[in-house]
Amino acid sequence: MRWRRDLGTDKLSIERIYLVTSLPPGAATGSELAAWIRGHWRIENQLHHVRDRTFHEDASKVRTRHLPRVMAGLRNLAIGVHRQDGHTNIAAALRHTARDHLRALTALGLA
């Protein structure tokens, strides 16, 4: 179960969650399962949330053939390059890079 408190109304709600795994019963402890779930949400928050909030991926009109996958790959590349350079705020890093066309090439090791 997951407990949530709405900060606006101070209302507490309980949500039942289910985990599907291919492990046999008893192969993992509750704390191991909880760590795997937290790991999943860590990835979700670091990548997918950034892709949606910074690049507005959910609002994208690119829907044909291989283009959605290609665009997701390019977005992941941009996020990865900026994280590798030590940036934690990807939106700010993108704005900074956009001010000079050589910065993107330098970040990729091409200039």
N, C-alpha and C. Protein backbone atom coordinates (compact mmCIF):
# COMPACT_ATOMS: atom_id res chain seq x y z
N MET A 1 0.84 -1.18 0.00
CA MET A 1 0.00 0.00 0.00
C MET A 1 0.88 1.24 0.00
N ARG A 2 0.35 2.27 -0.60
CA ARG A 2 1.06 3.54 -0.68
C ARG A 2 0.18 4.61 -0.04
N TRP A 3 0.78 5.38 0.84
CA TRP A 3 0.08 6.46 1.52
C TRP A 3 0.44 7.78 0.84
N ARG A 4 -0.55 8.61 0.59
CA ARG A 4 -0.31 9.93 -0.01
C ARG A 4 -1.08 10.99 0.76
N ARG A 5 -0.46 12.15 0.88
CA ARG A 5 -1.14 13.27 1.51
C ARG A 5 -1.18 14.41 0.51
N ASP A 6 -2.38 14.89 0.20
CA ASP A 6 -2.56 16.03 -0.69
C ASP A 6 -2.17 17.28 0.11
N LEU A 7 -1.15 17.99 -0.35
CA LEU A 7 -0.65 19.14 0.40
C LEU A 7 -1.61 20.32 0.35
N GLY A 8 -2.49 20.36 -0.63
CA GLY A 8 -3.46 21.44 -0.72
C GLY A 8 -4.63 21.27 0.24
N THR A 9 -5.13 20.04 0.35
CA THR A 9 -6.30 19.78 1.19
C THR A 9 -5.94 19.06 2.48
N ASP A 10 -4.71 18.58 2.59
CA ASP A 10 -4.23 17.81 3.74
C ASP A 10 -4.98 16.48 3.88
N LYS A 11 -5.60 16.02 2.78
CA LYS A 11 -6.34 14.76 2.79
C LYS A 11 -5.37 13.60 2.58
N LEU A 12 -5.53 12.54 3.36
CA LEU A 12 -4.71 11.35 3.27
C LEU A 12 -5.46 10.29 2.48
N SER A 13 -4.76 9.68 1.52
CA SER A 13 -5.38 8.60 0.75
C SER A 13 -4.44 7.41 0.73
N ILE A 14 -5.03 6.24 0.58
CA ILE A 14 -4.27 4.99 0.53
C ILE A 14 -4.52 4.36 -0.83
N GLU A 15 -3.43 3.93 -1.47
CA GLU A 15 -3.53 3.31 -2.77
C GLU A 15 -2.88 1.93 -2.69
N ARG A 16 -3.58 0.93 -3.18
CA ARG A 16 -3.03 -0.43 -3.21
C ARG A 16 -2.30 -0.59 -4.53
N ILE A 17 -1.06 -1.07 -4.46
CA ILE A 17 -0.27 -1.27 -5.67
C ILE A 17 0.08 -2.76 -5.79
N TYR A 18 0.24 -3.19 -7.03
CA TYR A 18 0.58 -4.58 -7.29
C TYR A 18 1.88 -4.62 -8.08
N LEU A 19 2.69 -5.60 -7.80
CA LEU A 19 3.95 -5.80 -8.48
C LEU A 19 3.92 -7.15 -9.18
N VAL A 20 4.22 -7.15 -10.46
CA VAL A 20 4.27 -8.39 -11.22
C VAL A 20 5.73 -8.74 -11.44
N THR A 21 6.09 -9.96 -11.09
CA THR A 21 7.47 -10.41 -11.24
C THR A 21 7.46 -11.86 -11.69
N SER A 22 8.54 -12.27 -12.31
CA SER A 22 8.65 -13.66 -12.74
C SER A 22 9.34 -14.52 -11.67
N LEU A 23 9.66 -13.93 -10.54
CA LEU A 23 10.31 -14.68 -9.46
C LEU A 23 9.32 -15.63 -8.80
N PRO A 24 9.78 -16.78 -8.35
CA PRO A 24 8.90 -17.67 -7.60
C PRO A 24 8.62 -17.06 -6.22
N PRO A 25 7.52 -17.45 -5.60
CA PRO A 25 7.19 -16.91 -4.27
C PRO A 25 8.34 -17.16 -3.28
N GLY A 26 8.66 -16.14 -2.51
CA GLY A 26 9.69 -16.24 -1.50
C GLY A 26 11.10 -16.04 -2.01
N ALA A 27 11.29 -15.78 -3.30
CA ALA A 27 12.63 -15.61 -3.86
C ALA A 27 13.21 -14.23 -3.55
N ALA A 28 12.37 -13.28 -3.20
CA ALA A 28 12.84 -11.93 -2.87
C ALA A 28 12.13 -11.46 -1.62
N THR A 29 12.83 -10.71 -0.82
CA THR A 29 12.23 -10.16 0.40
C THR A 29 11.43 -8.91 0.06
N GLY A 30 10.63 -8.48 0.98
CA GLY A 30 9.85 -7.26 0.79
C GLY A 30 10.75 -6.05 0.58
N SER A 31 11.86 -5.99 1.30
CA SER A 31 12.76 -4.85 1.14
C SER A 31 13.45 -4.87 -0.22
N GLU A 32 13.75 -6.06 -0.75
CA GLU A 32 14.33 -6.14 -2.10
C GLU A 32 13.33 -5.66 -3.15
N LEU A 33 12.08 -6.11 -3.02
CA LEU A 33 11.05 -5.67 -3.95
C LEU A 33 10.85 -4.16 -3.88
N ALA A 34 10.85 -3.62 -2.67
CA ALA A 34 10.70 -2.17 -2.49
C ALA A 34 11.86 -1.42 -3.14
N ALA A 35 13.07 -1.95 -3.02
CA ALA A 35 14.25 -1.32 -3.65
C ALA A 35 14.12 -1.34 -5.17
N TRP A 36 13.61 -2.43 -5.73
CA TRP A 36 13.43 -2.50 -7.18
C TRP A 36 12.40 -1.48 -7.65
N ILE A 37 11.33 -1.33 -6.87
CA ILE A 37 10.30 -0.36 -7.23
C ILE A 37 10.87 1.06 -7.18
N ARG A 38 11.62 1.37 -6.12
CA ARG A 38 12.25 2.69 -6.02
C ARG A 38 13.21 2.92 -7.18
N GLY A 39 13.95 1.88 -7.56
CA GLY A 39 14.86 1.99 -8.70
C GLY A 39 14.13 2.30 -9.98
N HIS A 40 12.97 1.68 -10.17
CA HIS A 40 12.15 1.94 -11.36
C HIS A 40 11.73 3.40 -11.38
N TRP A 41 11.22 3.90 -10.25
CA TRP A 41 10.74 5.28 -10.21
C TRP A 41 11.89 6.27 -10.30
N ARG A 42 13.08 5.88 -9.88
CA ARG A 42 14.24 6.75 -10.03
C ARG A 42 14.52 6.97 -11.52
N ILE A 43 14.47 5.88 -12.29
CA ILE A 43 14.66 5.99 -13.74
C ILE A 43 13.54 6.82 -14.34
N GLU A 44 12.31 6.54 -13.92
CA GLU A 44 11.16 7.27 -14.44
C GLU A 44 11.32 8.77 -14.20
N ASN A 45 11.73 9.14 -13.00
CA ASN A 45 11.86 10.55 -12.67
C ASN A 45 13.05 11.20 -13.36
N GLN A 46 14.15 10.47 -13.53
CA GLN A 46 15.33 11.06 -14.15
C GLN A 46 15.23 11.18 -15.66
N LEU A 47 14.52 10.30 -16.30
CA LEU A 47 14.50 10.32 -17.75
C LEU A 47 13.14 10.69 -18.32
N HIS A 48 12.13 9.89 -18.06
CA HIS A 48 10.83 10.12 -18.69
C HIS A 48 10.20 11.43 -18.23
N HIS A 49 10.33 11.75 -16.96
CA HIS A 49 9.78 13.01 -16.47
C HIS A 49 10.47 14.19 -17.14
N VAL A 50 11.79 14.11 -17.27
CA VAL A 50 12.54 15.18 -17.92
C VAL A 50 12.15 15.28 -19.39
N ARG A 51 12.01 14.12 -20.06
CA ARG A 51 11.62 14.15 -21.47
C ARG A 51 10.25 14.79 -21.65
N ASP A 52 9.33 14.53 -20.74
CA ASP A 52 8.01 15.11 -20.89
C ASP A 52 7.98 16.58 -20.49
N ARG A 53 8.58 16.92 -19.37
CA ARG A 53 8.49 18.31 -18.89
C ARG A 53 9.39 19.26 -19.66
N THR A 54 10.56 18.82 -20.06
CA THR A 54 11.50 19.71 -20.75
C THR A 54 11.26 19.72 -22.25
N PHE A 55 11.03 18.55 -22.84
CA PHE A 55 10.85 18.46 -24.28
C PHE A 55 9.38 18.36 -24.68
N HIS A 56 8.46 18.32 -23.71
CA HIS A 56 7.02 18.21 -23.96
C HIS A 56 6.72 17.01 -24.89
N GLU A 57 7.33 15.88 -24.55
CA GLU A 57 7.22 14.70 -25.39
C GLU A 57 5.78 14.21 -25.54
N ASP A 58 4.98 14.29 -24.49
CA ASP A 58 3.61 13.80 -24.58
C ASP A 58 2.76 14.64 -25.54
N ALA A 59 3.15 15.89 -25.77
CA ALA A 59 2.40 16.76 -26.67
C ALA A 59 2.94 16.71 -28.10
N SER A 60 3.95 15.91 -28.34
CA SER A 60 4.58 15.83 -29.66
C SER A 60 3.60 15.33 -30.70
N LYS A 61 3.67 15.92 -31.87
CA LYS A 61 2.82 15.51 -33.00
C LYS A 61 3.52 14.49 -33.89
N VAL A 62 4.74 14.11 -33.53
CA VAL A 62 5.49 13.12 -34.30
C VAL A 62 4.93 11.74 -33.97
N ARG A 63 4.24 11.12 -34.94
CA ARG A 63 3.57 9.86 -34.65
C ARG A 63 3.72 8.80 -35.75
N THR A 64 4.44 9.10 -36.81
CA THR A 64 4.46 8.17 -37.93
C THR A 64 5.78 7.41 -38.02
N ARG A 65 5.64 6.17 -38.45
CA ARG A 65 6.77 5.28 -38.73
C ARG A 65 7.75 5.22 -37.57
N HIS A 66 9.02 5.44 -37.83
CA HIS A 66 10.06 5.32 -36.81
C HIS A 66 10.38 6.64 -36.13
N LEU A 67 9.74 7.72 -36.53
CA LEU A 67 10.10 9.04 -36.01
C LEU A 67 9.93 9.18 -34.49
N PRO A 68 8.87 8.65 -33.87
CA PRO A 68 8.79 8.78 -32.41
C PRO A 68 9.98 8.15 -31.69
N ARG A 69 10.43 7.00 -32.15
CA ARG A 69 11.57 6.33 -31.52
C ARG A 69 12.87 7.10 -31.78
N VAL A 70 13.01 7.64 -32.98
CA VAL A 70 14.20 8.43 -33.31
C VAL A 70 14.25 9.69 -32.44
N MET A 71 13.11 10.37 -32.33
CA MET A 71 13.08 11.59 -31.50
C MET A 71 13.34 11.27 -30.03
N ALA A 72 12.81 10.17 -29.52
CA ALA A 72 13.09 9.77 -28.14
C ALA A 72 14.57 9.50 -27.95
N GLY A 73 15.19 8.88 -28.95
CA GLY A 73 16.63 8.62 -28.88
C GLY A 73 17.44 9.91 -28.86
N LEU A 74 17.04 10.88 -29.68
CA LEU A 74 17.73 12.17 -29.69
C LEU A 74 17.55 12.92 -28.37
N ARG A 75 16.36 12.84 -27.82
CA ARG A 75 16.13 13.47 -26.52
C ARG A 75 16.97 12.80 -25.44
N ASN A 76 17.03 11.47 -25.46
CA ASN A 76 17.86 10.74 -24.50
C ASN A 76 19.33 11.11 -24.65
N LEU A 77 19.78 11.27 -25.90
CA LEU A 77 21.16 11.66 -26.14
C LEU A 77 21.44 13.03 -25.53
N ALA A 78 20.55 13.99 -25.76
CA ALA A 78 20.74 15.33 -25.21
C ALA A 78 20.78 15.29 -23.68
N ILE A 79 19.87 14.54 -23.08
CA ILE A 79 19.84 14.44 -21.62
C ILE A 79 21.12 13.78 -21.11
N GLY A 80 21.53 12.70 -21.75
CA GLY A 80 22.73 11.99 -21.33
C GLY A 80 23.99 12.82 -21.45
N VAL A 81 24.12 13.57 -22.54
CA VAL A 81 25.31 14.42 -22.73
C VAL A 81 25.36 15.49 -21.64
N HIS A 82 24.23 16.11 -21.35
CA HIS A 82 24.22 17.16 -20.32
C HIS A 82 24.45 16.58 -18.93
N ARG A 83 23.89 15.42 -18.65
CA ARG A 83 24.14 14.79 -17.33
C ARG A 83 25.61 14.40 -17.21
N GLN A 84 26.20 13.92 -18.29
CA GLN A 84 27.61 13.54 -18.27
C GLN A 84 28.50 14.76 -18.02
N ASP A 85 28.06 15.91 -18.48
CA ASP A 85 28.80 17.15 -18.23
C ASP A 85 28.54 17.71 -16.83
N GLY A 86 27.73 17.02 -16.05
CA GLY A 86 27.50 17.42 -14.67
C GLY A 86 26.29 18.29 -14.43
N HIS A 87 25.47 18.50 -15.44
CA HIS A 87 24.27 19.33 -15.28
C HIS A 87 23.16 18.52 -14.61
N THR A 88 22.49 19.14 -13.68
CA THR A 88 21.34 18.50 -13.05
C THR A 88 20.03 19.10 -13.56
N ASN A 89 20.07 20.34 -14.00
CA ASN A 89 18.90 21.00 -14.57
C ASN A 89 19.04 20.96 -16.08
N ILE A 90 18.35 20.02 -16.72
CA ILE A 90 18.50 19.81 -18.16
C ILE A 90 17.94 20.99 -18.95
N ALA A 91 16.84 21.56 -18.50
CA ALA A 91 16.26 22.71 -19.20
C ALA A 91 17.24 23.88 -19.23
N ALA A 92 17.89 24.16 -18.10
CA ALA A 92 18.87 25.24 -18.06
C ALA A 92 20.07 24.92 -18.93
N ALA A 93 20.50 23.65 -18.94
CA ALA A 93 21.63 23.25 -19.77
C ALA A 93 21.30 23.40 -21.26
N LEU A 94 20.07 23.08 -21.64
CA LEU A 94 19.67 23.23 -23.04
C LEU A 94 19.65 24.70 -23.44
N ARG A 95 19.13 25.56 -22.57
CA ARG A 95 19.12 26.99 -22.86
C ARG A 95 20.53 27.53 -23.01
N HIS A 96 21.42 27.10 -22.11
CA HIS A 96 22.82 27.55 -22.16
C HIS A 96 23.48 27.09 -23.46
N THR A 97 23.27 25.85 -23.84
CA THR A 97 23.87 25.30 -25.06
C THR A 97 23.31 25.98 -26.30
N ALA A 98 22.04 26.35 -26.27
CA ALA A 98 21.41 26.96 -27.44
C ALA A 98 21.94 28.36 -27.75
N ARG A 99 22.58 28.99 -26.79
CA ARG A 99 23.08 30.36 -27.01
C ARG A 99 24.30 30.42 -27.92
N ASP A 100 24.99 29.30 -28.11
CA ASP A 100 26.19 29.27 -28.95
C ASP A 100 26.22 27.93 -29.68
N HIS A 101 26.21 27.97 -31.00
CA HIS A 101 26.13 26.73 -31.79
C HIS A 101 27.33 25.81 -31.58
N LEU A 102 28.45 26.33 -31.13
CA LEU A 102 29.63 25.49 -30.91
C LEU A 102 29.57 24.70 -29.61
N ARG A 103 28.74 25.12 -28.67
CA ARG A 103 28.65 24.42 -27.38
C ARG A 103 28.16 22.99 -27.56
N ALA A 104 27.19 22.78 -28.42
CA ALA A 104 26.68 21.41 -28.64
C ALA A 104 27.77 20.53 -29.23
N LEU A 105 28.51 21.07 -30.18
CA LEU A 105 29.60 20.30 -30.79
C LEU A 105 30.69 19.99 -29.78
N THR A 106 31.00 20.95 -28.92
CA THR A 106 32.01 20.75 -27.89
C THR A 106 31.55 19.68 -26.90
N ALA A 107 30.28 19.71 -26.52
CA ALA A 107 29.75 18.73 -25.57
C ALA A 107 29.83 17.32 -26.15
N LEU A 108 29.69 17.20 -27.46
CA LEU A 108 29.77 15.90 -28.12
C LEU A 108 31.20 15.52 -28.48
N GLY A 109 32.16 16.41 -28.20
CA GLY A 109 33.56 16.14 -28.50
C GLY A 109 33.89 16.30 -29.97
N LEU A 110 33.10 17.11 -30.69
CA LEU A 110 33.31 17.29 -32.12
C LEU A 110 33.97 18.62 -32.48
N ALA A 111 34.20 19.46 -31.49
CA ALA A 111 34.85 20.75 -31.78
C ALA A 111 35.91 21.05 -30.74
